[in-house]
Amino acid sequence: MKGIIVVNAGKCLGCKSCEMACAVEHSASKELAEAIRETPAPRARVSVRGTGKLAAPLQCRQCENAPCVRICPTHALHRSAPDAPVAIRHEACIGCTLCVLACPFGVIGFDEGRRCIVKCDQCVERLARGEQPACVTACPTGSLRFQRVDEVLEEKRRAYLVQIENCVEAEREHGG
């Protein structure tokens, strides 16, 4: 079942713990003390951005019909299965950045040191081991959660029904 990283921006402190955990997870050593000395330096696939009043982690939304996958001339961006996250074969990436232009969320980056793109892969290796993505695990406020799509939909349905129930109760109280 396809999963997504759900962001609750209201809980985000802008601490960038998710960025650090992501960079370390995608480093050669997978250890902070070693990762900071690697060349080229490991890049985070999540980016905390703010508007002044709000900060939120931004990462690949794993679009169903991903424009980045469709536009990639070398098929470096691909899915291993229909419900798998969009992944990149770095050796096939030619650095054309067409995917960067095609991404509607602006979450694909370009790694100058490696001359190829970088993007969130939902820490597919961690998921295979039954672990949460590194950014989710590192978030001190629980702003990030990894959930199956059907769980997210059920939460939204439940919240909507509660909203309707509250409106009906308010109408009854006011004689409506």
N, C-alpha and C. Protein backbone atom coordinates (compact mmCIF):
# COMPACT_ATOMS: atom_id res chain seq x y z
N MET A 1 0.84 -1.18 0.00
CA MET A 1 0.00 0.00 0.00
C MET A 1 0.88 1.24 0.00
N LYS A 2 0.54 2.19 -0.83
CA LYS A 2 1.31 3.42 -0.96
C LYS A 2 1.24 4.24 0.33
N GLY A 3 2.39 4.78 0.70
CA GLY A 3 2.44 5.63 1.89
C GLY A 3 2.87 7.03 1.51
N ILE A 4 2.54 7.98 2.37
CA ILE A 4 2.94 9.37 2.16
C ILE A 4 3.44 9.97 3.47
N ILE A 5 4.27 10.97 3.33
CA ILE A 5 4.73 11.71 4.50
C ILE A 5 3.76 12.87 4.68
N VAL A 6 3.07 12.85 5.81
CA VAL A 6 2.06 13.86 6.12
C VAL A 6 2.73 14.93 6.98
N VAL A 7 2.50 16.19 6.62
CA VAL A 7 3.11 17.32 7.32
C VAL A 7 2.04 18.09 8.08
N ASN A 8 2.26 18.30 9.37
CA ASN A 8 1.42 19.18 10.17
C ASN A 8 2.25 20.43 10.44
N ALA A 9 2.11 21.42 9.56
CA ALA A 9 2.94 22.63 9.63
C ALA A 9 2.74 23.38 10.94
N GLY A 10 1.58 23.24 11.55
CA GLY A 10 1.32 23.91 12.82
C GLY A 10 2.21 23.42 13.95
N LYS A 11 2.77 22.23 13.82
CA LYS A 11 3.66 21.68 14.84
C LYS A 11 5.13 21.93 14.54
N CYS A 12 5.46 22.35 13.32
CA CYS A 12 6.86 22.50 12.92
C CYS A 12 7.50 23.70 13.59
N LEU A 13 8.67 23.47 14.19
CA LEU A 13 9.44 24.54 14.84
C LEU A 13 10.48 25.15 13.90
N GLY A 14 10.68 24.54 12.75
CA GLY A 14 11.72 25.00 11.83
C GLY A 14 13.11 24.63 12.30
N CYS A 15 13.23 23.58 13.10
CA CYS A 15 14.53 23.21 13.70
C CYS A 15 15.48 22.54 12.72
N LYS A 16 14.96 22.02 11.62
CA LYS A 16 15.72 21.37 10.57
C LYS A 16 16.33 20.03 10.98
N SER A 17 15.81 19.42 12.04
CA SER A 17 16.26 18.08 12.42
C SER A 17 15.98 17.09 11.30
N CYS A 18 14.88 17.30 10.59
CA CYS A 18 14.53 16.41 9.48
C CYS A 18 15.57 16.51 8.36
N GLU A 19 16.04 17.72 8.09
CA GLU A 19 17.08 17.90 7.05
C GLU A 19 18.35 17.16 7.42
N MET A 20 18.77 17.32 8.66
CA MET A 20 20.01 16.68 9.13
C MET A 20 19.88 15.16 9.06
N ALA A 21 18.77 14.63 9.56
CA ALA A 21 18.57 13.18 9.55
C ALA A 21 18.55 12.64 8.12
N CYS A 22 17.92 13.38 7.22
CA CYS A 22 17.85 12.96 5.81
C CYS A 22 19.24 12.93 5.18
N ALA A 23 20.02 13.96 5.40
CA ALA A 23 21.38 14.01 4.84
C ALA A 23 22.23 12.87 5.37
N VAL A 24 22.13 12.60 6.66
CA VAL A 24 22.91 11.51 7.25
C VAL A 24 22.45 10.17 6.70
N GLU A 25 21.14 9.98 6.57
CA GLU A 25 20.61 8.73 6.03
C GLU A 25 21.08 8.48 4.60
N HIS A 26 21.27 9.54 3.84
CA HIS A 26 21.70 9.41 2.45
C HIS A 26 23.20 9.60 2.27
N SER A 27 23.93 9.57 3.38
CA SER A 27 25.39 9.66 3.32
C SER A 27 25.97 8.26 3.09
N ALA A 28 27.23 8.20 2.77
CA ALA A 28 27.90 6.92 2.58
C ALA A 28 28.04 6.17 3.91
N SER A 29 28.33 6.90 4.98
CA SER A 29 28.61 6.28 6.27
C SER A 29 27.36 6.03 7.12
N LYS A 30 26.33 6.84 6.93
CA LYS A 30 25.09 6.79 7.72
C LYS A 30 25.33 7.15 9.19
N GLU A 31 26.45 7.81 9.45
CA GLU A 31 26.81 8.26 10.81
C GLU A 31 27.12 9.75 10.76
N LEU A 32 26.53 10.53 11.64
CA LEU A 32 26.71 11.99 11.62
C LEU A 32 28.18 12.39 11.68
N ALA A 33 28.93 11.82 12.61
CA ALA A 33 30.33 12.20 12.78
C ALA A 33 31.14 11.96 11.52
N GLU A 34 30.80 10.94 10.76
CA GLU A 34 31.51 10.63 9.52
C GLU A 34 30.93 11.42 8.35
N ALA A 35 29.62 11.56 8.32
CA ALA A 35 28.94 12.20 7.19
C ALA A 35 29.40 13.65 6.99
N ILE A 36 29.70 14.35 8.08
CA ILE A 36 30.09 15.75 7.96
C ILE A 36 31.46 15.92 7.29
N ARG A 37 32.23 14.82 7.21
CA ARG A 37 33.54 14.88 6.57
C ARG A 37 33.55 14.30 5.15
N GLU A 38 32.41 13.81 4.69
CA GLU A 38 32.36 13.19 3.36
C GLU A 38 32.44 14.25 2.25
N THR A 39 33.07 13.85 1.15
CA THR A 39 33.16 14.72 -0.02
C THR A 39 32.67 13.94 -1.23
N PRO A 40 31.72 14.46 -1.96
CA PRO A 40 30.95 15.65 -1.64
C PRO A 40 30.05 15.41 -0.43
N ALA A 41 29.67 16.49 0.22
CA ALA A 41 28.83 16.41 1.41
C ALA A 41 27.47 15.83 1.06
N PRO A 42 26.91 15.01 1.92
CA PRO A 42 25.58 14.45 1.66
C PRO A 42 24.53 15.56 1.64
N ARG A 43 23.53 15.40 0.79
CA ARG A 43 22.47 16.39 0.64
C ARG A 43 21.16 15.86 1.21
N ALA A 44 20.46 16.72 1.91
CA ALA A 44 19.12 16.38 2.40
C ALA A 44 18.14 16.39 1.22
N ARG A 45 17.16 15.54 1.30
CA ARG A 45 16.11 15.48 0.28
C ARG A 45 14.84 16.16 0.76
N VAL A 46 14.89 16.72 1.96
CA VAL A 46 13.80 17.49 2.54
C VAL A 46 14.36 18.87 2.84
N SER A 47 13.53 19.88 2.72
CA SER A 47 13.99 21.25 2.95
C SER A 47 12.95 21.98 3.79
N VAL A 48 13.38 22.52 4.92
CA VAL A 48 12.47 23.30 5.76
C VAL A 48 12.45 24.72 5.23
N ARG A 49 11.29 25.17 4.87
CA ARG A 49 11.12 26.52 4.33
C ARG A 49 10.10 27.26 5.17
N GLY A 50 10.21 28.57 5.17
CA GLY A 50 9.30 29.37 5.96
C GLY A 50 8.82 30.60 5.24
N THR A 51 7.74 31.15 5.76
CA THR A 51 7.17 32.36 5.20
C THR A 51 7.34 33.54 6.15
N GLY A 52 7.97 33.31 7.26
CA GLY A 52 8.08 34.33 8.30
C GLY A 52 7.19 33.98 9.48
N LYS A 53 5.97 33.53 9.18
CA LYS A 53 5.03 33.13 10.23
C LYS A 53 4.94 31.62 10.37
N LEU A 54 5.35 30.91 9.34
CA LEU A 54 5.16 29.47 9.30
C LEU A 54 6.39 28.80 8.71
N ALA A 55 6.77 27.67 9.28
CA ALA A 55 7.85 26.86 8.71
C ALA A 55 7.27 25.48 8.44
N ALA A 56 7.73 24.87 7.37
CA ALA A 56 7.26 23.52 7.05
C ALA A 56 8.31 22.78 6.24
N PRO A 57 8.45 21.48 6.53
CA PRO A 57 9.35 20.65 5.72
C PRO A 57 8.69 20.32 4.38
N LEU A 58 9.45 20.48 3.33
CA LEU A 58 8.95 20.19 1.99
C LEU A 58 9.76 19.04 1.41
N GLN A 59 9.07 18.05 0.86
CA GLN A 59 9.72 16.95 0.19
C GLN A 59 8.81 16.42 -0.90
N CYS A 60 9.34 15.52 -1.70
CA CYS A 60 8.59 14.95 -2.82
C CYS A 60 7.25 14.43 -2.36
N ARG A 61 6.21 14.78 -3.08
CA ARG A 61 4.85 14.34 -2.75
C ARG A 61 4.51 13.01 -3.43
N GLN A 62 5.44 12.44 -4.17
CA GLN A 62 5.27 11.13 -4.80
C GLN A 62 3.99 11.08 -5.63
N CYS A 63 3.88 12.04 -6.54
CA CYS A 63 2.70 12.18 -7.40
C CYS A 63 2.34 10.85 -8.08
N GLU A 64 1.05 10.59 -8.17
CA GLU A 64 0.57 9.37 -8.84
C GLU A 64 1.06 9.30 -10.28
N ASN A 65 0.84 10.37 -11.03
CA ASN A 65 1.27 10.44 -12.43
C ASN A 65 2.39 11.49 -12.49
N ALA A 66 3.51 11.16 -11.91
CA ALA A 66 4.59 12.11 -11.65
C ALA A 66 5.15 12.77 -12.91
N PRO A 67 5.04 14.11 -13.00
CA PRO A 67 5.58 14.80 -14.17
C PRO A 67 7.09 14.64 -14.29
N CYS A 68 7.80 14.51 -13.18
CA CYS A 68 9.26 14.34 -13.24
C CYS A 68 9.62 13.02 -13.92
N VAL A 69 8.86 11.97 -13.64
CA VAL A 69 9.11 10.67 -14.27
C VAL A 69 8.80 10.74 -15.76
N ARG A 70 7.68 11.37 -16.08
CA ARG A 70 7.27 11.45 -17.49
C ARG A 70 8.27 12.23 -18.34
N ILE A 71 8.90 13.26 -17.76
CA ILE A 71 9.76 14.14 -18.57
C ILE A 71 11.22 13.68 -18.61
N CYS A 72 11.62 12.79 -17.73
CA CYS A 72 13.03 12.37 -17.65
C CYS A 72 13.45 11.64 -18.94
N PRO A 73 14.39 12.22 -19.69
CA PRO A 73 14.76 11.62 -20.98
C PRO A 73 15.54 10.31 -20.88
N THR A 74 16.16 10.06 -19.74
CA THR A 74 16.97 8.84 -19.59
C THR A 74 16.29 7.79 -18.70
N HIS A 75 15.11 8.10 -18.22
CA HIS A 75 14.37 7.21 -17.30
C HIS A 75 15.14 7.00 -16.00
N ALA A 76 15.96 7.98 -15.65
CA ALA A 76 16.67 7.91 -14.37
C ALA A 76 15.66 7.97 -13.22
N LEU A 77 14.62 8.76 -13.39
CA LEU A 77 13.52 8.79 -12.41
C LEU A 77 12.54 7.70 -12.81
N HIS A 78 12.17 6.88 -11.85
CA HIS A 78 11.31 5.74 -12.14
C HIS A 78 10.63 5.25 -10.87
N ARG A 79 9.70 4.34 -11.05
CA ARG A 79 9.07 3.61 -9.94
C ARG A 79 9.34 2.13 -10.15
N SER A 80 9.71 1.44 -9.10
CA SER A 80 9.94 0.00 -9.21
C SER A 80 8.64 -0.78 -9.22
N ALA A 81 7.57 -0.16 -8.73
CA ALA A 81 6.23 -0.75 -8.72
C ALA A 81 5.23 0.40 -8.70
N PRO A 82 3.99 0.17 -9.11
CA PRO A 82 3.01 1.26 -9.16
C PRO A 82 2.82 2.02 -7.84
N ASP A 83 2.94 1.33 -6.71
CA ASP A 83 2.74 2.01 -5.43
C ASP A 83 4.06 2.36 -4.74
N ALA A 84 5.18 2.21 -5.44
CA ALA A 84 6.50 2.53 -4.88
C ALA A 84 6.78 4.02 -5.04
N PRO A 85 7.65 4.57 -4.19
CA PRO A 85 8.02 5.98 -4.36
C PRO A 85 8.86 6.19 -5.62
N VAL A 86 8.85 7.41 -6.12
CA VAL A 86 9.69 7.76 -7.26
C VAL A 86 11.14 7.72 -6.80
N ALA A 87 11.95 6.97 -7.51
CA ALA A 87 13.36 6.81 -7.16
C ALA A 87 14.22 7.31 -8.31
N ILE A 88 15.51 7.48 -8.03
CA ILE A 88 16.44 7.92 -9.07
C ILE A 88 17.60 6.95 -9.18
N ARG A 89 17.95 6.66 -10.42
CA ARG A 89 19.18 5.92 -10.70
C ARG A 89 20.23 6.99 -11.02
N HIS A 90 21.06 7.31 -10.07
CA HIS A 90 22.03 8.40 -10.22
C HIS A 90 22.95 8.21 -11.42
N GLU A 91 23.30 6.97 -11.71
CA GLU A 91 24.20 6.73 -12.84
C GLU A 91 23.54 7.04 -14.18
N ALA A 92 22.22 7.07 -14.22
CA ALA A 92 21.51 7.37 -15.47
C ALA A 92 21.16 8.86 -15.61
N CYS A 93 21.24 9.61 -14.51
CA CYS A 93 20.89 11.03 -14.55
C CYS A 93 21.96 11.82 -15.30
N ILE A 94 21.53 12.61 -16.28
CA ILE A 94 22.47 13.43 -17.06
C ILE A 94 22.50 14.88 -16.59
N GLY A 95 21.74 15.18 -15.54
CA GLY A 95 21.77 16.53 -14.98
C GLY A 95 21.08 17.58 -15.82
N CYS A 96 20.13 17.17 -16.65
CA CYS A 96 19.45 18.14 -17.53
C CYS A 96 18.49 19.05 -16.77
N THR A 97 18.06 18.66 -15.61
CA THR A 97 17.14 19.38 -14.71
C THR A 97 15.74 19.60 -15.28
N LEU A 98 15.35 18.86 -16.28
CA LEU A 98 13.97 18.96 -16.77
C LEU A 98 12.98 18.60 -15.66
N CYS A 99 13.35 17.64 -14.82
CA CYS A 99 12.49 17.24 -13.72
C CYS A 99 12.30 18.37 -12.71
N VAL A 100 13.33 19.15 -12.49
CA VAL A 100 13.25 20.29 -11.58
C VAL A 100 12.20 21.27 -12.10
N LEU A 101 12.22 21.51 -13.39
CA LEU A 101 11.24 22.42 -14.01
C LEU A 101 9.84 21.84 -13.98
N ALA A 102 9.71 20.52 -14.12
CA ALA A 102 8.40 19.87 -14.19
C ALA A 102 7.73 19.69 -12.83
N CYS A 103 8.51 19.67 -11.76
CA CYS A 103 7.95 19.40 -10.43
C CYS A 103 7.04 20.54 -9.99
N PRO A 104 5.75 20.25 -9.75
CA PRO A 104 4.83 21.31 -9.35
C PRO A 104 5.06 21.82 -7.93
N PHE A 105 5.87 21.12 -7.15
CA PHE A 105 6.08 21.51 -5.75
C PHE A 105 7.47 22.10 -5.50
N GLY A 106 8.33 22.11 -6.49
CA GLY A 106 9.66 22.69 -6.33
C GLY A 106 10.52 21.96 -5.33
N VAL A 107 10.39 20.64 -5.26
CA VAL A 107 11.10 19.89 -4.22
C VAL A 107 12.22 18.99 -4.76
N ILE A 108 12.53 19.10 -6.03
CA ILE A 108 13.66 18.35 -6.58
C ILE A 108 14.85 19.29 -6.62
N GLY A 109 15.97 18.84 -6.09
CA GLY A 109 17.16 19.67 -6.06
C GLY A 109 18.23 19.16 -7.01
N PHE A 110 19.24 19.97 -7.20
CA PHE A 110 20.36 19.59 -8.05
C PHE A 110 21.62 19.58 -7.21
N ASP A 111 22.33 18.48 -7.24
CA ASP A 111 23.56 18.33 -6.49
C ASP A 111 24.72 18.66 -7.42
N GLU A 112 25.31 19.83 -7.24
CA GLU A 112 26.42 20.29 -8.09
C GLU A 112 27.62 19.34 -8.01
N GLY A 113 27.91 18.84 -6.81
CA GLY A 113 29.06 17.96 -6.63
C GLY A 113 28.95 16.66 -7.40
N ARG A 114 27.76 16.12 -7.46
CA ARG A 114 27.54 14.84 -8.15
C ARG A 114 26.98 15.04 -9.56
N ARG A 115 26.61 16.27 -9.88
CA ARG A 115 26.05 16.62 -11.20
C ARG A 115 24.80 15.82 -11.53
N CYS A 116 23.94 15.63 -10.53
CA CYS A 116 22.67 14.95 -10.76
C CYS A 116 21.64 15.47 -9.76
N ILE A 117 20.40 15.09 -9.97
CA ILE A 117 19.35 15.59 -9.10
C ILE A 117 19.28 14.76 -7.82
N VAL A 118 18.66 15.35 -6.80
CA VAL A 118 18.38 14.67 -5.54
C VAL A 118 16.92 14.93 -5.19
N LYS A 119 16.27 13.91 -4.67
CA LYS A 119 14.87 14.05 -4.27
C LYS A 119 14.54 13.01 -3.21
N CYS A 120 13.49 13.26 -2.49
CA CYS A 120 13.04 12.33 -1.45
C CYS A 120 12.64 10.99 -2.07
N ASP A 121 13.13 9.93 -1.45
CA ASP A 121 12.76 8.58 -1.87
C ASP A 121 12.02 7.86 -0.75
N GLN A 122 11.55 8.63 0.24
CA GLN A 122 10.86 8.13 1.42
C GLN A 122 11.72 7.13 2.21
N CYS A 123 13.03 7.21 2.04
CA CYS A 123 13.96 6.29 2.73
C CYS A 123 13.51 4.85 2.49
N VAL A 124 13.42 4.50 1.22
CA VAL A 124 12.90 3.19 0.82
C VAL A 124 13.62 2.03 1.50
N GLU A 125 14.91 2.16 1.76
CA GLU A 125 15.64 1.09 2.45
C GLU A 125 15.15 0.94 3.89
N ARG A 126 14.87 2.06 4.54
CA ARG A 126 14.35 2.02 5.91
C ARG A 126 12.96 1.39 5.92
N LEU A 127 12.13 1.78 4.97
CA LEU A 127 10.77 1.22 4.89
C LEU A 127 10.84 -0.30 4.72
N ALA A 128 11.77 -0.77 3.89
CA ALA A 128 11.92 -2.21 3.67
C ALA A 128 12.29 -2.94 4.95
N ARG A 129 12.95 -2.24 5.87
CA ARG A 129 13.32 -2.83 7.17
C ARG A 129 12.24 -2.63 8.22
N GLY A 130 11.11 -2.03 7.82
CA GLY A 130 10.02 -1.79 8.76
C GLY A 130 10.21 -0.54 9.59
N GLU A 131 11.13 0.34 9.19
CA GLU A 131 11.39 1.59 9.90
C GLU A 131 10.71 2.75 9.20
N GLN A 132 10.54 3.82 9.93
CA GLN A 132 9.98 5.05 9.38
C GLN A 132 11.07 5.81 8.62
N PRO A 133 10.69 6.70 7.69
CA PRO A 133 11.70 7.55 7.04
C PRO A 133 12.48 8.35 8.09
N ALA A 134 13.73 8.65 7.79
CA ALA A 134 14.61 9.33 8.74
C ALA A 134 14.05 10.66 9.21
N CYS A 135 13.44 11.44 8.30
CA CYS A 135 12.90 12.74 8.68
C CYS A 135 11.78 12.60 9.69
N VAL A 136 10.95 11.58 9.53
CA VAL A 136 9.83 11.34 10.45
C VAL A 136 10.35 10.98 11.83
N THR A 137 11.33 10.08 11.87
CA THR A 137 11.92 9.64 13.14
C THR A 137 12.60 10.80 13.87
N ALA A 138 13.23 11.70 13.13
CA ALA A 138 14.00 12.79 13.74
C ALA A 138 13.14 13.95 14.23
N CYS A 139 11.92 14.08 13.76
CA CYS A 139 11.10 15.25 14.09
C CYS A 139 10.72 15.25 15.57
N PRO A 140 11.18 16.25 16.33
CA PRO A 140 10.93 16.25 17.77
C PRO A 140 9.50 16.61 18.15
N THR A 141 8.73 17.19 17.24
CA THR A 141 7.37 17.61 17.57
C THR A 141 6.29 16.73 16.96
N GLY A 142 6.68 15.76 16.14
CA GLY A 142 5.70 14.92 15.47
C GLY A 142 5.02 15.63 14.32
N SER A 143 5.67 16.66 13.79
CA SER A 143 5.13 17.39 12.65
C SER A 143 5.06 16.52 11.41
N LEU A 144 5.94 15.54 11.32
CA LEU A 144 5.98 14.62 10.18
C LEU A 144 5.51 13.24 10.62
N ARG A 145 4.64 12.65 9.79
CA ARG A 145 4.19 11.28 10.02
C ARG A 145 4.18 10.55 8.69
N PHE A 146 4.53 9.27 8.71
CA PHE A 146 4.43 8.45 7.52
C PHE A 146 3.20 7.57 7.68
N GLN A 147 2.27 7.69 6.73
CA GLN A 147 1.02 6.94 6.82
C GLN A 147 0.65 6.35 5.47
N ARG A 148 -0.10 5.28 5.54
CA ARG A 148 -0.68 4.73 4.32
C ARG A 148 -1.76 5.70 3.84
N VAL A 149 -1.97 5.76 2.55
CA VAL A 149 -2.95 6.67 1.96
C VAL A 149 -4.34 6.40 2.52
N ASP A 150 -4.71 5.14 2.68
CA ASP A 150 -6.05 4.85 3.20
C ASP A 150 -6.23 5.35 4.63
N GLU A 151 -5.17 5.37 5.43
CA GLU A 151 -5.25 5.92 6.79
C GLU A 151 -5.49 7.43 6.76
N VAL A 152 -4.80 8.11 5.86
CA VAL A 152 -4.97 9.56 5.73
C VAL A 152 -6.40 9.87 5.31
N LEU A 153 -6.91 9.12 4.33
CA LEU A 153 -8.28 9.34 3.87
C LEU A 153 -9.29 9.10 4.99
N GLU A 154 -9.09 8.07 5.78
CA GLU A 154 -10.01 7.78 6.88
C GLU A 154 -9.99 8.90 7.92
N GLU A 155 -8.82 9.43 8.24
CA GLU A 155 -8.72 10.55 9.18
C GLU A 155 -9.47 11.77 8.65
N LYS A 156 -9.32 12.05 7.37
CA LYS A 156 -10.00 13.20 6.77
C LYS A 156 -11.52 13.00 6.79
N ARG A 157 -11.98 11.80 6.48
CA ARG A 157 -13.42 11.52 6.52
C ARG A 157 -13.98 11.70 7.92
N ARG A 158 -13.25 11.17 8.90
CA ARG A 158 -13.69 11.28 10.29
C ARG A 158 -13.75 12.75 10.72
N ALA A 159 -12.74 13.53 10.37
CA ALA A 159 -12.72 14.96 10.73
C ALA A 159 -13.87 15.70 10.06
N TYR A 160 -14.18 15.34 8.84
CA TYR A 160 -15.29 15.98 8.12
C TYR A 160 -16.62 15.63 8.77
N LEU A 161 -16.80 14.38 9.16
CA LEU A 161 -18.04 13.99 9.84
C LEU A 161 -18.21 14.71 11.17
N VAL A 162 -17.13 14.88 11.91
CA VAL A 162 -17.18 15.62 13.17
C VAL A 162 -17.57 17.07 12.91
N GLN A 163 -17.04 17.64 11.85
CA GLN A 163 -17.38 19.01 11.49
C GLN A 163 -18.87 19.13 11.17
N ILE A 164 -19.41 18.19 10.42
CA ILE A 164 -20.84 18.20 10.10
C ILE A 164 -21.66 18.05 11.37
N GLU A 165 -21.24 17.11 12.24
CA GLU A 165 -21.95 16.89 13.49
C GLU A 165 -21.98 18.16 14.34
N ASN A 166 -20.86 18.88 14.40
CA ASN A 166 -20.79 20.12 15.17
C ASN A 166 -21.72 21.18 14.58
N CYS A 167 -21.81 21.25 13.26
CA CYS A 167 -22.70 22.21 12.61
C CYS A 167 -24.16 21.88 12.91
N VAL A 168 -24.52 20.61 12.86
CA VAL A 168 -25.89 20.18 13.14
C VAL A 168 -26.24 20.50 14.59
N GLU A 169 -25.35 20.20 15.51
CA GLU A 169 -25.59 20.50 16.93
C GLU A 169 -25.74 22.00 17.15
N ALA A 170 -24.92 22.81 16.48
CA ALA A 170 -25.02 24.26 16.62
C ALA A 170 -26.36 24.76 16.11
N GLU A 171 -26.82 24.18 14.99
CA GLU A 171 -28.14 24.58 14.45
C GLU A 171 -29.25 24.22 15.43
N ARG A 172 -29.18 23.05 16.06
CA ARG A 172 -30.20 22.61 17.02
C ARG A 172 -30.23 23.54 18.23
N GLU A 173 -29.04 23.94 18.69
CA GLU A 173 -28.96 24.83 19.85
C GLU A 173 -29.53 26.21 19.58
N HIS A 174 -29.43 26.65 18.34
CA HIS A 174 -29.90 27.99 17.98
C HIS A 174 -31.29 27.96 17.34
N GLY A 175 -31.96 26.82 17.47
CA GLY A 175 -33.34 26.72 16.97
C GLY A 175 -33.46 26.58 15.48
N GLY A 176 -32.40 26.14 14.81
CA GLY A 176 -32.40 26.03 13.33
C GLY A 176 -32.89 24.78 12.86
